[in-house]
N, C-alpha and C. Protein backbone atom coordinates (compact mmCIF):
# COMPACT_ATOMS: atom_id res chain seq x y z
N UNK A 1 -4.88 9.09 -23.56
CA UNK A 1 -4.33 7.86 -22.59
C UNK A 1 -5.47 6.64 -23.05
N UNK A 2 -5.50 5.95 -23.60
CA UNK A 2 -6.97 4.51 -23.29
C UNK A 2 -5.92 3.68 -22.49
N UNK A 3 -6.87 2.64 -22.13
CA UNK A 3 -6.28 1.58 -21.42
C UNK A 3 -7.55 0.99 -21.06
N UNK A 4 -6.92 -0.59 -21.38
CA UNK A 4 -7.98 -1.97 -21.46
C UNK A 4 -8.53 -2.46 -20.54
N UNK A 5 -9.72 -2.59 -20.34
CA UNK A 5 -9.88 -2.70 -18.91
C UNK A 5 -10.91 -4.00 -18.68
N UNK A 6 -10.28 -5.10 -19.88
CA UNK A 6 -11.07 -6.14 -20.07
C UNK A 6 -11.25 -7.35 -18.93
N UNK A 7 -9.94 -7.63 -18.48
CA UNK A 7 -9.84 -8.30 -17.76
C UNK A 7 -9.90 -8.06 -16.24
N UNK A 8 -10.46 -6.41 -15.48
CA UNK A 8 -9.86 -6.01 -14.39
C UNK A 8 -11.44 -6.51 -13.79
N UNK A 9 -11.05 -7.24 -12.83
CA UNK A 9 -12.24 -7.86 -12.06
C UNK A 9 -12.74 -6.49 -10.96
N UNK A 10 -13.93 -6.52 -10.42
CA UNK A 10 -14.39 -5.57 -9.88
C UNK A 10 -14.48 -6.04 -8.58
N UNK A 11 -14.04 -6.45 -7.36
CA UNK A 11 -14.47 -7.43 -6.01
C UNK A 11 -15.56 -6.50 -5.76
N UNK A 12 -16.68 -7.59 -5.12
CA UNK A 12 -18.17 -7.54 -4.91
C UNK A 12 -17.78 -7.05 -3.27
N UNK A 13 -18.66 -5.95 -2.80
CA UNK A 13 -18.66 -5.54 -1.89
C UNK A 13 -19.08 -6.47 -0.97
N UNK A 14 -18.98 -6.95 0.38
CA UNK A 14 -19.66 -7.67 1.38
C UNK A 14 -20.48 -7.00 1.73
N UNK A 15 -21.85 -7.70 3.03
CA UNK A 15 -22.43 -7.54 3.80
C UNK A 15 -22.49 -6.28 4.39
N UNK A 16 -21.94 -5.87 4.39
CA UNK A 16 -21.80 -3.92 5.13
C UNK A 16 -21.61 -3.37 4.22
N UNK A 17 -21.10 -3.31 3.13
CA UNK A 17 -20.90 -2.15 1.73
C UNK A 17 -19.48 -1.88 2.15
N UNK A 18 -18.25 -3.13 2.63
CA UNK A 18 -17.26 -2.60 2.09
C UNK A 18 -16.78 -3.94 1.08
N UNK A 19 -15.58 -3.36 0.52
CA UNK A 19 -15.13 -3.98 -0.12
C UNK A 19 -13.56 -5.19 0.74
N UNK A 20 -13.48 -6.51 -0.02
CA UNK A 20 -13.25 -7.58 0.71
C UNK A 20 -12.08 -6.77 1.35
N UNK A 21 -11.31 -7.20 2.65
CA UNK A 21 -9.99 -7.07 3.27
C UNK A 21 -8.68 -7.92 2.01
N UNK A 22 -7.71 -7.36 2.28
CA UNK A 22 -6.38 -7.92 1.55
C UNK A 22 -5.81 -8.18 2.16
N UNK A 23 -5.75 -10.26 1.77
CA UNK A 23 -5.11 -11.22 2.86
C UNK A 23 -3.96 -10.71 2.98
N UNK A 24 -3.51 -11.16 4.91
CA UNK A 24 -2.24 -10.60 5.47
C UNK A 24 -1.24 -11.56 4.23
N UNK A 25 0.05 -10.53 3.48
CA UNK A 25 0.89 -10.81 3.36
C UNK A 25 1.53 -10.07 2.21
N UNK A 26 2.55 -9.83 1.77
CA UNK A 26 3.28 -9.46 1.11
C UNK A 26 2.59 -9.44 -0.44
N UNK A 27 2.41 -7.94 -1.20
CA UNK A 27 1.35 -7.96 -2.56
C UNK A 27 2.54 -6.63 -3.15
N UNK A 28 2.37 -6.91 -4.32
CA UNK A 28 2.55 -6.22 -4.93
C UNK A 28 2.04 -4.59 -5.31
N UNK A 29 1.98 -3.78 -5.44
CA UNK A 29 1.31 -2.56 -5.14
C UNK A 29 1.85 -1.70 -5.86
N UNK A 30 0.42 -0.16 -6.77
CA UNK A 30 1.57 0.64 -7.10
C UNK A 30 0.54 1.77 -6.37
N UNK A 31 1.24 2.66 -6.20
CA UNK A 31 0.63 3.40 -5.04
C UNK A 31 0.21 5.34 -5.66
N UNK A 32 -0.98 5.25 -4.86
CA UNK A 32 -1.79 6.45 -5.53
C UNK A 32 -1.82 7.73 -4.04
N UNK A 33 -0.79 8.48 -3.94
CA UNK A 33 -0.51 9.34 -3.20
C UNK A 33 -1.31 10.76 -3.26
N UNK A 34 -1.44 11.39 -1.73
CA UNK A 34 -2.16 13.02 -2.15
C UNK A 34 -1.90 13.61 -0.51
N UNK A 35 -1.45 15.03 -0.26
CA UNK A 35 -0.94 15.78 0.66
C UNK A 35 -2.55 16.36 0.89
N UNK A 36 -2.27 15.89 2.76
CA UNK A 36 -3.95 16.12 3.19
C UNK A 36 -3.29 16.82 4.78
N UNK A 37 -4.68 16.78 4.99
CA UNK A 37 -4.65 17.87 6.70
C UNK A 37 -5.29 16.39 7.37
N UNK A 38 -5.01 16.32 8.23
CA UNK A 38 -5.64 15.28 9.43
C UNK A 38 -6.87 16.20 10.14
N UNK A 39 -7.74 15.35 10.38
CA UNK A 39 -8.82 15.60 11.65
C UNK A 39 -7.78 17.01 12.49
N UNK A 40 -6.83 16.42 13.00
CA UNK A 40 -6.53 17.21 13.92
C UNK A 40 -5.42 18.78 13.28
N UNK A 41 -5.23 18.80 12.71
CA UNK A 41 -4.89 19.49 11.82
C UNK A 41 -3.26 19.53 11.68
N UNK A 42 -3.60 18.17 11.54
CA UNK A 42 -1.60 18.00 11.02
C UNK A 42 -0.94 17.53 9.51
N UNK A 43 -0.33 17.74 9.11
CA UNK A 43 -0.06 17.45 7.45
C UNK A 43 -0.09 15.65 7.46
N UNK A 44 0.15 15.69 6.55
CA UNK A 44 -0.08 13.77 6.58
C UNK A 44 0.11 13.46 4.87
N UNK A 45 0.99 12.15 4.66
CA UNK A 45 0.91 12.30 2.97
C UNK A 45 -0.13 10.97 3.29
N UNK A 46 -1.56 10.89 2.65
CA UNK A 46 -2.23 9.80 2.47
C UNK A 46 -1.63 9.16 1.04
N UNK A 47 -2.00 7.83 1.84
CA UNK A 47 -1.47 7.07 0.21
C UNK A 47 -2.22 5.86 0.24
N UNK A 48 -2.90 5.41 -1.14
CA UNK A 48 -3.44 3.75 -1.40
C UNK A 48 -2.87 3.08 -2.18
N UNK A 49 -2.92 1.81 -1.72
CA UNK A 49 -1.52 0.83 -2.06
C UNK A 49 -2.89 -0.13 -2.98
N UNK A 50 -2.85 0.30 -4.23
CA UNK A 50 -3.52 -0.79 -5.10
C UNK A 50 -2.87 -2.09 -5.46
N UNK A 51 -3.38 -2.93 -5.18
CA UNK A 51 -2.72 -4.40 -5.37
C UNK A 51 -3.97 -5.31 -6.26
N UNK A 52 -3.62 -6.46 -6.45
CA UNK A 52 -4.96 -7.41 -7.16
C UNK A 52 -5.55 -7.88 -5.95
N UNK A 53 -5.19 -7.64 -5.27
CA UNK A 53 -6.46 -8.23 -3.88
C UNK A 53 -7.33 -7.01 -3.62
N UNK A 54 -6.96 -6.33 -3.87
CA UNK A 54 -7.60 -4.85 -3.53
C UNK A 54 -6.94 -3.45 -2.93
N UNK A 55 -7.49 -2.94 -2.44
CA UNK A 55 -6.69 -1.47 -1.61
C UNK A 55 -6.74 -1.59 -0.54
N UNK A 56 -5.46 -1.11 0.07
CA UNK A 56 -4.91 -1.00 1.11
C UNK A 56 -4.63 0.21 1.63
N UNK A 57 -5.25 1.54 2.53
CA UNK A 57 -5.04 2.64 2.89
C UNK A 57 -3.86 3.11 3.64
N UNK A 58 -3.34 4.12 3.86
CA UNK A 58 -2.24 4.58 4.82
C UNK A 58 -2.08 5.36 5.35
N UNK A 59 -2.24 6.22 6.23
CA UNK A 59 -1.83 8.13 6.36
C UNK A 59 -0.40 8.29 7.03
N UNK A 60 0.18 9.19 6.76
CA UNK A 60 1.55 8.75 7.31
C UNK A 60 1.39 10.69 7.94
N UNK A 61 1.17 10.39 9.21
CA UNK A 61 1.01 12.10 9.93
C UNK A 61 2.97 12.49 9.92
N UNK A 62 3.00 13.99 9.11
CA UNK A 62 4.49 13.84 9.02
C UNK A 62 4.73 14.96 10.65
N UNK A 63 3.61 14.70 11.50
CA UNK A 63 3.65 15.32 13.06
C UNK A 63 4.33 14.07 13.81
N UNK A 64 4.30 12.98 13.33
CA UNK A 64 4.53 11.90 14.12
C UNK A 64 5.79 11.71 14.02
N UNK A 65 6.90 11.14 14.96
CA UNK A 65 8.25 10.63 14.76
C UNK A 65 7.57 8.80 14.30
N UNK A 66 6.89 8.26 14.42
CA UNK A 66 6.51 6.80 14.01
C UNK A 66 5.67 7.33 12.05
N UNK A 67 5.16 8.13 11.74
CA UNK A 67 5.17 8.13 10.56
C UNK A 67 5.92 8.79 9.64
N UNK A 68 6.85 9.67 9.90
CA UNK A 68 8.05 9.76 9.58
C UNK A 68 8.95 9.09 9.08
N UNK A 69 9.20 8.42 10.11
CA UNK A 69 10.32 6.93 9.61
C UNK A 69 9.34 5.59 8.88
N UNK A 70 7.96 5.40 9.07
CA UNK A 70 7.50 4.88 7.90
C UNK A 70 7.78 5.25 6.63
N UNK A 71 7.38 7.11 6.95
CA UNK A 71 7.50 7.68 4.89
C UNK A 71 8.95 7.06 4.82
N UNK A 72 9.32 7.06 5.70
CA UNK A 72 10.69 7.04 4.65
C UNK A 72 11.70 6.03 4.57
N UNK A 73 10.96 4.56 5.13
CA UNK A 73 11.11 3.64 4.50
C UNK A 73 10.42 3.08 3.27
N UNK A 74 9.14 3.79 2.90
CA UNK A 74 8.94 3.73 2.02
C UNK A 74 9.40 4.27 0.67
N UNK A 75 10.14 5.27 0.75
CA UNK A 75 10.77 6.58 0.15
C UNK A 75 11.82 5.27 -0.56
N UNK A 76 12.32 4.84 0.77
CA UNK A 76 13.36 4.35 0.45
C UNK A 76 13.44 2.93 -0.09
N UNK A 77 12.15 2.26 0.23
CA UNK A 77 11.85 0.59 -0.67
C UNK A 77 11.59 0.98 -2.38
N UNK A 78 11.35 2.25 -2.39
CA UNK A 78 10.83 2.92 -4.03
C UNK A 78 11.93 4.03 -4.74
N UNK A 79 12.78 4.05 -3.91
CA UNK A 79 14.26 4.07 -4.79
C UNK A 79 13.92 5.82 -4.64
N UNK A 80 13.85 6.63 -3.42
CA UNK A 80 14.37 8.00 -3.76
C UNK A 80 15.56 7.43 -2.28
N UNK A 81 16.01 8.26 -2.57
CA UNK A 81 17.26 9.26 -1.76
C UNK A 81 17.51 10.59 -2.04
N UNK A 82 16.81 10.92 -1.99
CA UNK A 82 17.25 12.39 -1.43
C UNK A 82 15.74 12.25 -0.95
N UNK A 83 15.84 12.96 0.46
CA UNK A 83 14.72 13.29 1.21
C UNK A 83 14.36 14.63 1.99
N UNK A 84 15.09 14.95 0.86
CA UNK A 84 14.54 16.85 1.18
C UNK A 84 13.66 17.22 -0.06
N UNK A 85 12.97 17.48 0.68
CA UNK A 85 11.32 18.14 0.31
C UNK A 85 10.74 17.03 -0.23
N UNK A 86 10.21 15.94 -0.07
CA UNK A 86 9.64 15.03 -0.65
C UNK A 86 8.42 15.27 -0.76
N UNK A 87 7.62 14.96 -1.36
CA UNK A 87 6.55 15.31 -1.84
C UNK A 87 5.35 14.34 -2.75
N UNK A 88 3.75 14.25 -2.46
CA UNK A 88 3.50 13.34 -2.76
C UNK A 88 3.51 13.04 -4.39
N UNK A 89 4.11 13.58 -5.33
CA UNK A 89 3.93 13.54 -6.48
C UNK A 89 5.49 12.47 -6.64
N UNK A 90 5.86 12.68 -5.60
CA UNK A 90 7.14 11.68 -5.82
C UNK A 90 6.73 9.86 -5.64
N UNK A 91 5.57 10.01 -5.02
CA UNK A 91 5.56 8.42 -4.45
C UNK A 91 4.29 7.70 -5.53
N UNK A 92 3.49 9.24 -5.86
CA UNK A 92 2.66 8.51 -7.16
C UNK A 92 3.01 7.79 -8.44
N UNK A 93 1.97 6.30 -8.64
CA UNK A 93 2.21 6.12 -9.79
C UNK A 93 3.97 5.16 -9.18
N UNK A 94 4.43 4.77 -8.20
CA UNK A 94 5.27 3.97 -7.98
C UNK A 94 4.98 2.65 -7.89
N UNK A 95 6.08 1.92 -8.08
CA UNK A 95 5.28 0.56 -7.87
C UNK A 95 6.14 -0.44 -5.98
N UNK A 96 5.74 -1.19 -5.43
CA UNK A 96 6.52 -1.76 -4.09
C UNK A 96 5.77 -2.30 -3.60
N UNK A 97 6.37 -3.93 -3.22
CA UNK A 97 6.05 -4.60 -2.31
C UNK A 97 5.51 -4.27 -0.46
N UNK A 98 4.14 -4.13 -0.48
CA UNK A 98 3.77 -4.07 0.71
C UNK A 98 3.62 -5.19 1.61
N UNK A 99 3.40 -5.21 2.68
CA UNK A 99 3.50 -6.81 3.96
C UNK A 99 1.95 -5.57 4.47
N UNK A 100 1.15 -6.46 4.16
CA UNK A 100 -0.38 -6.22 5.20
C UNK A 100 -0.24 -7.37 5.85
N UNK A 101 -1.85 -6.75 7.10
CA UNK A 101 -2.32 -8.17 7.84
C UNK A 101 -3.32 -7.41 8.60
N UNK A 102 -3.95 -8.09 8.47
CA UNK A 102 -5.74 -7.70 9.38
C UNK A 102 -5.54 -7.36 10.61
N UNK A 103 -6.14 -6.29 11.04
CA UNK A 103 -6.18 -5.51 12.34
C UNK A 103 -7.43 -4.13 12.48
N UNK A 104 -7.50 -4.56 13.67
CA UNK A 104 -8.77 -3.55 13.70
C UNK A 104 -8.56 -2.31 14.15
N UNK A 105 -9.12 -1.25 13.28
CA UNK A 105 -8.97 0.06 12.85
C UNK A 105 -9.76 1.02 14.15
N UNK A 106 -9.28 1.46 14.95
CA UNK A 106 -9.96 2.14 16.14
C UNK A 106 -10.53 3.75 15.43
N UNK A 107 -9.98 3.75 14.45
CA UNK A 107 -10.66 4.98 13.31
C UNK A 107 -11.38 4.81 12.46
N UNK A 108 -11.59 3.76 12.23
CA UNK A 108 -13.11 2.97 11.05
C UNK A 108 -13.75 2.55 11.93
N UNK A 109 -13.57 1.95 13.32
CA UNK A 109 -14.28 0.44 13.92
C UNK A 109 -14.50 -0.68 13.07
N UNK A 110 -13.80 -1.40 13.02
CA UNK A 110 -13.49 -2.58 11.81
C UNK A 110 -12.49 -3.02 11.61
N UNK A 111 -12.50 -4.15 11.15
CA UNK A 111 -11.12 -5.33 10.93
C UNK A 111 -10.68 -4.60 8.88
N UNK A 112 -9.41 -4.05 9.46
CA UNK A 112 -9.16 -3.65 8.02
C UNK A 112 -7.97 -4.28 7.78
N UNK A 113 -7.67 -4.67 6.59
CA UNK A 113 -5.91 -4.51 5.95
C UNK A 113 -5.03 -3.46 6.55
N UNK A 114 -4.01 -3.64 6.98
CA UNK A 114 -3.32 -2.37 7.38
C UNK A 114 -1.70 -2.71 7.19
N UNK A 115 -1.14 -2.32 6.20
CA UNK A 115 1.02 -1.86 6.05
C UNK A 115 1.20 -2.62 7.86
N UNK A 116 2.23 -3.10 7.46
CA UNK A 116 3.48 -3.03 8.68
C UNK A 116 3.87 -1.90 8.50
N UNK A 117 4.32 -2.35 10.34
CA UNK A 117 5.05 -1.14 10.60
C UNK A 117 6.55 -0.94 9.37
N UNK A 118 7.30 -2.22 9.45
CA UNK A 118 8.30 -1.95 7.70
C UNK A 118 7.85 -2.79 7.02
N UNK A 119 6.85 -2.07 6.72
CA UNK A 119 5.98 -3.55 5.53
C UNK A 119 6.26 -2.81 3.93
N UNK A 120 7.30 -2.65 3.60
CA UNK A 120 7.35 -1.66 2.27
C UNK A 120 8.80 -2.46 2.32
N UNK A 121 8.65 -3.04 0.88
CA UNK A 121 10.01 -3.17 0.21
C UNK A 121 10.07 -3.02 -0.95
N UNK A 122 11.56 -3.04 -2.13
CA UNK A 122 10.97 -2.79 -3.11
C UNK A 122 11.60 -3.57 -3.84
N UNK A 123 10.98 -3.03 -5.36
CA UNK A 123 10.33 -4.62 -6.04
C UNK A 123 11.84 -5.01 -7.35
N UNK A 124 12.19 -6.08 -6.46
CA UNK A 124 13.24 -6.24 -8.02
C UNK A 124 13.10 -7.75 -8.83
N UNK A 125 13.72 -7.86 -9.47
CA UNK A 125 13.73 -9.32 -10.85
C UNK A 125 13.28 -10.82 -9.75
N UNK A 126 13.83 -10.84 -8.43
CA UNK A 126 13.00 -11.91 -7.92
C UNK A 126 12.68 -11.86 -6.72
N UNK A 127 11.88 -10.74 -6.88
CA UNK A 127 10.77 -10.37 -6.26
C UNK A 127 9.04 -11.81 -6.20
N UNK A 128 9.21 -11.88 -5.41
CA UNK A 128 7.77 -13.15 -5.35
C UNK A 128 7.13 -13.06 -4.30
N UNK A 129 5.51 -12.28 -4.57
CA UNK A 129 4.59 -11.90 -4.34
C UNK A 129 2.89 -12.70 -4.02
N UNK A 130 2.39 -13.26 -2.91
CA UNK A 130 0.61 -13.58 -3.73
C UNK A 130 1.39 -14.92 -3.47
N UNK A 131 0.46 -16.01 -4.66
CA UNK A 131 0.60 -16.94 -4.58
C UNK A 131 1.53 -17.46 -6.00
N UNK A 132 3.24 -17.47 -5.51
CA UNK A 132 3.77 -18.32 -6.64
C UNK A 132 3.51 -19.90 -6.95
N UNK A 133 3.64 -19.81 -8.00
CA UNK A 133 3.13 -20.87 -9.04
C UNK A 133 4.33 -22.35 -8.22
N UNK A 134 4.06 -23.34 -8.54
CA UNK A 134 4.35 -24.27 -7.88
C UNK A 134 5.05 -24.52 -9.16
N UNK A 135 6.13 -25.13 -8.56
CA UNK A 135 7.53 -25.62 -9.21
C UNK A 135 7.09 -27.32 -10.04
N UNK A 136 7.09 -27.18 -11.29
CA UNK A 136 6.19 -28.23 -12.05
C UNK A 136 6.68 -29.21 -12.36
N UNK A 137 8.65 -29.22 -12.01
CA UNK A 137 9.55 -30.13 -13.31
C UNK A 137 9.71 -30.95 -11.77
N UNK A 138 9.42 -32.28 -12.62
CA UNK A 138 10.06 -33.71 -12.11
C UNK A 138 11.52 -34.27 -12.37
N UNK A 139 11.57 -34.51 -11.39
CA UNK A 139 12.70 -35.41 -11.83
C UNK A 139 12.81 -36.97 -10.80
């Protein structure tokens, strides 16, 4: 497999050595997912949502009702209808629209982009994300 990286721009890190925060709003994202164990020993689905503005990280703790609800919302948005035995490979390389907002992360002790509670939407032919081009038709 080969890929053309000529047009890919690597974002510059800021003065803290971090990549820029993905702006608030809707973003088309490709999911990278893996199953992990949290520091507290709980199973979790760890996802990276790769957008054209950067990467948003999100962990869905599987022992938490909050984490399970958010994971089901994500699954529904990417077209998973059989919710029995969902695993990382079911999510990996799928495309979704995520809604992000900048928030303080207690875990990382810094501001970062986070997905909102219900912030996963299906990609459709009518999906518009980011900076939509202005209509240049003159009447």
